[in-house]
Amino acid sequence: MILDFFSKHKLSRNYDGRCGNCHTPFDSTDDEFCRYCGTKRGEGKFLPYENFQGCVYGPPPVKRTHTCDNCGYSWDTRRMIDRSGYCPRCGGTISTVKSDHE
């Protein structure tokens, strides 16, 4: 009965390479913290989540350079929407974000 519920609603408990709190995939195996919610890898509520790929139409991808105030780690992303708010290395907050349309 429970398995039927999970398959019917496409709910998953596979957290391999995903945040245990917001379910977002980690970009790298070196990332220790989630870029979106700041949860440390291996921690979180690990609740079932809806596992689907959505297609979003909108503005073109934007190159962004993020820099952590705490450890100084810097990384680039190229996405249409980027809600990064935490450093994937130390979990510190990000205050410097530069956007550049390509």
N, C-alpha and C. Protein backbone atom coordinates (compact mmCIF):
# COMPACT_ATOMS: atom_id res chain seq x y z
N MET A 1 0.82 -1.19 0.00
CA MET A 1 0.00 0.00 0.00
C MET A 1 0.87 1.27 0.00
N ILE A 2 1.87 1.30 0.87
CA ILE A 2 2.75 2.47 0.93
C ILE A 2 3.56 2.59 -0.36
N LEU A 3 4.07 1.46 -0.88
CA LEU A 3 4.84 1.50 -2.12
C LEU A 3 3.98 2.00 -3.27
N ASP A 4 2.70 1.61 -3.27
CA ASP A 4 1.78 2.08 -4.30
C ASP A 4 1.63 3.60 -4.22
N PHE A 5 1.55 4.14 -3.01
CA PHE A 5 1.43 5.59 -2.82
C PHE A 5 2.66 6.30 -3.39
N PHE A 6 3.88 5.78 -3.07
CA PHE A 6 5.11 6.42 -3.55
C PHE A 6 5.20 6.37 -5.07
N SER A 7 4.87 5.25 -5.69
CA SER A 7 4.98 5.15 -7.14
C SER A 7 3.89 5.97 -7.84
N LYS A 8 2.71 6.04 -7.25
CA LYS A 8 1.61 6.80 -7.84
C LYS A 8 1.91 8.30 -7.84
N HIS A 9 2.53 8.81 -6.78
CA HIS A 9 2.80 10.23 -6.65
C HIS A 9 4.25 10.59 -7.00
N LYS A 10 5.00 9.62 -7.51
CA LYS A 10 6.39 9.82 -7.91
C LYS A 10 7.24 10.39 -6.77
N LEU A 11 6.97 9.94 -5.55
CA LEU A 11 7.75 10.39 -4.40
C LEU A 11 8.99 9.51 -4.27
N SER A 12 10.06 10.12 -3.87
CA SER A 12 11.33 9.40 -3.78
C SER A 12 11.97 9.64 -2.42
N ARG A 13 12.79 8.68 -2.01
CA ARG A 13 13.61 8.81 -0.81
C ARG A 13 15.09 8.66 -1.17
N ASN A 14 15.41 8.74 -2.44
CA ASN A 14 16.80 8.60 -2.88
C ASN A 14 17.52 9.93 -2.69
N TYR A 15 18.35 10.01 -1.67
CA TYR A 15 19.07 11.24 -1.36
C TYR A 15 20.53 11.18 -1.77
N ASP A 16 20.88 10.26 -2.65
CA ASP A 16 22.26 10.16 -3.12
C ASP A 16 22.62 11.42 -3.90
N GLY A 17 23.52 12.23 -3.36
CA GLY A 17 23.94 13.47 -4.02
C GLY A 17 22.94 14.61 -3.90
N ARG A 18 22.00 14.51 -2.97
CA ARG A 18 20.98 15.54 -2.79
C ARG A 18 20.99 16.07 -1.36
N CYS A 19 20.48 17.28 -1.21
CA CYS A 19 20.33 17.90 0.11
C CYS A 19 19.22 17.19 0.88
N GLY A 20 19.47 16.88 2.15
CA GLY A 20 18.48 16.21 2.97
C GLY A 20 17.36 17.12 3.43
N ASN A 21 17.46 18.40 3.15
CA ASN A 21 16.44 19.34 3.58
C ASN A 21 15.58 19.84 2.41
N CYS A 22 16.22 20.40 1.37
CA CYS A 22 15.44 20.98 0.26
C CYS A 22 15.46 20.12 -1.01
N HIS A 23 16.18 18.98 -0.98
CA HIS A 23 16.21 17.98 -2.06
C HIS A 23 16.99 18.40 -3.29
N THR A 24 17.64 19.54 -3.28
CA THR A 24 18.39 20.02 -4.43
C THR A 24 19.65 19.18 -4.62
N PRO A 25 19.96 18.78 -5.87
CA PRO A 25 21.20 18.03 -6.11
C PRO A 25 22.42 18.91 -5.84
N PHE A 26 23.46 18.31 -5.26
CA PHE A 26 24.74 19.00 -5.09
C PHE A 26 25.44 19.06 -6.44
N ASP A 27 26.12 20.19 -6.73
CA ASP A 27 26.82 20.34 -8.00
C ASP A 27 28.08 19.49 -8.05
N SER A 28 28.69 19.23 -6.92
CA SER A 28 29.97 18.55 -6.88
C SER A 28 30.01 17.62 -5.67
N THR A 29 30.82 16.57 -5.78
CA THR A 29 31.00 15.67 -4.63
C THR A 29 31.82 16.35 -3.54
N ASP A 30 32.47 17.46 -3.85
CA ASP A 30 33.25 18.20 -2.86
C ASP A 30 32.39 19.15 -2.02
N ASP A 31 31.17 19.43 -2.47
CA ASP A 31 30.30 20.35 -1.74
C ASP A 31 29.91 19.76 -0.39
N GLU A 32 30.14 20.51 0.67
CA GLU A 32 29.81 20.06 2.02
C GLU A 32 28.48 20.62 2.49
N PHE A 33 28.03 21.74 1.89
CA PHE A 33 26.80 22.40 2.29
C PHE A 33 25.95 22.69 1.06
N CYS A 34 24.63 22.72 1.24
CA CYS A 34 23.70 23.05 0.17
C CYS A 34 23.79 24.54 -0.15
N ARG A 35 23.86 24.89 -1.44
CA ARG A 35 23.95 26.28 -1.87
C ARG A 35 22.65 27.03 -1.64
N TYR A 36 21.54 26.32 -1.54
CA TYR A 36 20.24 26.98 -1.46
C TYR A 36 19.71 27.14 -0.05
N CYS A 37 19.96 26.17 0.84
CA CYS A 37 19.41 26.28 2.19
C CYS A 37 20.47 26.22 3.27
N GLY A 38 21.73 25.90 2.92
CA GLY A 38 22.82 25.90 3.88
C GLY A 38 22.93 24.65 4.74
N THR A 39 22.12 23.63 4.46
CA THR A 39 22.16 22.40 5.25
C THR A 39 23.42 21.61 4.92
N LYS A 40 24.07 21.07 5.96
CA LYS A 40 25.28 20.28 5.77
C LYS A 40 24.93 18.95 5.10
N ARG A 41 25.82 18.48 4.22
CA ARG A 41 25.61 17.20 3.52
C ARG A 41 25.42 16.09 4.57
N GLY A 42 24.41 15.27 4.36
CA GLY A 42 24.12 14.17 5.27
C GLY A 42 23.19 14.54 6.42
N GLU A 43 22.78 15.80 6.49
CA GLU A 43 21.86 16.24 7.53
C GLU A 43 20.56 16.72 6.89
N GLY A 44 19.52 16.82 7.68
CA GLY A 44 18.22 17.29 7.19
C GLY A 44 17.12 16.37 7.65
N LYS A 45 15.92 16.63 7.18
CA LYS A 45 14.75 15.84 7.59
C LYS A 45 14.60 14.57 6.77
N PHE A 46 15.13 14.54 5.54
CA PHE A 46 15.07 13.40 4.63
C PHE A 46 13.64 12.90 4.42
N LEU A 47 12.72 13.84 4.21
CA LEU A 47 11.34 13.50 3.92
C LEU A 47 11.20 13.11 2.46
N PRO A 48 10.21 12.30 2.11
CA PRO A 48 9.99 11.96 0.69
C PRO A 48 9.74 13.24 -0.11
N TYR A 49 10.21 13.25 -1.33
CA TYR A 49 10.04 14.42 -2.19
C TYR A 49 9.56 13.97 -3.56
N GLU A 50 8.91 14.88 -4.26
CA GLU A 50 8.43 14.58 -5.60
C GLU A 50 9.60 14.66 -6.56
N ASN A 51 9.87 13.57 -7.23
CA ASN A 51 11.02 13.46 -8.11
C ASN A 51 10.58 13.65 -9.56
N PHE A 52 10.75 14.86 -10.08
CA PHE A 52 10.37 15.13 -11.46
C PHE A 52 11.33 16.16 -12.06
N GLN A 53 11.42 16.15 -13.35
CA GLN A 53 12.19 17.13 -14.10
C GLN A 53 11.22 18.12 -14.71
N GLY A 54 11.34 19.38 -14.33
CA GLY A 54 10.46 20.40 -14.89
C GLY A 54 11.15 21.15 -16.01
N CYS A 55 10.38 21.58 -16.96
CA CYS A 55 10.91 22.37 -18.06
C CYS A 55 10.43 23.80 -17.87
N VAL A 56 11.36 24.72 -17.79
CA VAL A 56 11.02 26.11 -17.55
C VAL A 56 11.46 26.94 -18.75
N TYR A 57 10.55 27.73 -19.27
CA TYR A 57 10.89 28.65 -20.34
C TYR A 57 11.01 30.04 -19.73
N GLY A 58 12.02 30.75 -20.12
CA GLY A 58 12.20 32.06 -19.55
C GLY A 58 13.43 32.73 -20.12
N PRO A 59 14.06 33.57 -19.32
CA PRO A 59 15.23 34.30 -19.80
C PRO A 59 16.40 33.36 -20.05
N PRO A 60 17.36 33.77 -20.85
CA PRO A 60 18.53 32.92 -21.10
C PRO A 60 19.37 32.78 -19.84
N PRO A 61 20.19 31.72 -19.77
CA PRO A 61 21.07 31.55 -18.62
C PRO A 61 21.99 32.76 -18.42
N VAL A 62 22.25 33.06 -17.17
CA VAL A 62 23.09 34.20 -16.80
C VAL A 62 24.30 33.66 -16.05
N LYS A 63 25.48 34.14 -16.42
CA LYS A 63 26.69 33.75 -15.71
C LYS A 63 26.79 34.59 -14.43
N ARG A 64 26.95 33.92 -13.28
CA ARG A 64 27.08 34.61 -12.01
C ARG A 64 28.33 34.10 -11.29
N THR A 65 29.04 35.00 -10.67
CA THR A 65 30.19 34.65 -9.85
C THR A 65 29.83 34.91 -8.40
N HIS A 66 29.85 33.85 -7.60
CA HIS A 66 29.50 33.96 -6.19
C HIS A 66 30.78 33.87 -5.36
N THR A 67 30.85 34.67 -4.31
CA THR A 67 32.00 34.66 -3.41
C THR A 67 31.52 34.60 -1.97
N CYS A 68 32.11 33.69 -1.20
CA CYS A 68 31.72 33.53 0.20
C CYS A 68 32.48 34.54 1.06
N ASP A 69 31.76 35.22 1.95
CA ASP A 69 32.38 36.17 2.87
C ASP A 69 33.18 35.47 3.96
N ASN A 70 32.79 34.25 4.29
CA ASN A 70 33.43 33.54 5.40
C ASN A 70 34.79 32.95 5.01
N CYS A 71 34.80 32.14 3.94
CA CYS A 71 36.05 31.43 3.58
C CYS A 71 36.71 31.97 2.32
N GLY A 72 36.01 32.82 1.55
CA GLY A 72 36.57 33.39 0.34
C GLY A 72 36.44 32.52 -0.89
N TYR A 73 35.82 31.34 -0.78
CA TYR A 73 35.64 30.45 -1.93
C TYR A 73 34.78 31.15 -2.98
N SER A 74 35.16 31.02 -4.25
CA SER A 74 34.46 31.65 -5.34
C SER A 74 34.10 30.60 -6.39
N TRP A 75 32.90 30.69 -6.95
CA TRP A 75 32.47 29.75 -7.97
C TRP A 75 31.52 30.44 -8.93
N ASP A 76 31.42 29.88 -10.14
CA ASP A 76 30.56 30.42 -11.18
C ASP A 76 29.37 29.49 -11.40
N THR A 77 28.23 30.08 -11.73
CA THR A 77 27.07 29.31 -12.16
C THR A 77 26.56 29.92 -13.45
N ARG A 78 25.88 29.13 -14.22
CA ARG A 78 25.27 29.60 -15.47
C ARG A 78 23.88 28.99 -15.53
N ARG A 79 22.90 29.72 -14.98
CA ARG A 79 21.53 29.24 -14.91
C ARG A 79 20.57 30.38 -15.21
N MET A 80 19.34 30.03 -15.57
CA MET A 80 18.32 31.06 -15.78
C MET A 80 17.98 31.71 -14.44
N ILE A 81 17.73 30.88 -13.44
CA ILE A 81 17.40 31.36 -12.10
C ILE A 81 18.38 30.72 -11.14
N ASP A 82 19.01 31.52 -10.34
CA ASP A 82 19.99 31.01 -9.37
C ASP A 82 19.69 31.62 -8.01
N ARG A 83 19.25 30.80 -7.11
CA ARG A 83 18.89 31.27 -5.77
C ARG A 83 19.96 30.88 -4.75
N SER A 84 21.19 30.76 -5.18
CA SER A 84 22.27 30.42 -4.26
C SER A 84 22.34 31.45 -3.15
N GLY A 85 22.49 30.99 -1.93
CA GLY A 85 22.58 31.90 -0.80
C GLY A 85 23.62 31.48 0.21
N TYR A 86 24.19 30.27 0.01
CA TYR A 86 25.15 29.74 0.96
C TYR A 86 26.34 29.13 0.23
N CYS A 87 27.49 29.15 0.88
CA CYS A 87 28.71 28.58 0.32
C CYS A 87 28.66 27.06 0.38
N PRO A 88 28.97 26.36 -0.75
CA PRO A 88 28.95 24.91 -0.73
C PRO A 88 30.13 24.30 0.04
N ARG A 89 31.13 25.09 0.39
CA ARG A 89 32.30 24.58 1.10
C ARG A 89 32.19 24.74 2.61
N CYS A 90 31.72 25.90 3.09
CA CYS A 90 31.71 26.14 4.54
C CYS A 90 30.33 26.45 5.09
N GLY A 91 29.34 26.69 4.23
CA GLY A 91 27.99 26.99 4.67
C GLY A 91 27.78 28.46 5.02
N GLY A 92 28.81 29.30 4.81
CA GLY A 92 28.69 30.73 5.09
C GLY A 92 27.79 31.42 4.07
N THR A 93 27.34 32.61 4.42
CA THR A 93 26.46 33.35 3.51
C THR A 93 27.26 34.06 2.43
N ILE A 94 26.55 34.38 1.36
CA ILE A 94 27.15 35.03 0.20
C ILE A 94 26.67 36.46 0.15
N SER A 95 27.60 37.39 0.03
CA SER A 95 27.16 38.78 -0.09
C SER A 95 27.58 39.38 -1.42
N THR A 96 28.54 38.79 -2.10
CA THR A 96 29.01 39.32 -3.37
C THR A 96 28.54 38.42 -4.50
N VAL A 97 27.65 38.95 -5.34
CA VAL A 97 27.16 38.23 -6.50
C VAL A 97 27.24 39.17 -7.70
N LYS A 98 27.97 38.78 -8.71
CA LYS A 98 28.09 39.58 -9.93
C LYS A 98 27.36 38.87 -11.05
N SER A 99 26.47 39.58 -11.75
CA SER A 99 25.73 39.01 -12.86
C SER A 99 26.23 39.58 -14.17
N ASP A 100 26.20 38.75 -15.18
CA ASP A 100 26.70 39.16 -16.48
C ASP A 100 25.86 38.44 -17.54
N HIS A 101 25.07 39.17 -18.32
CA HIS A 101 24.28 38.53 -19.39
C HIS A 101 25.21 38.19 -20.54
N GLU A 102 25.02 36.97 -21.07
CA GLU A 102 25.84 36.54 -22.21
C GLU A 102 25.00 36.48 -23.45
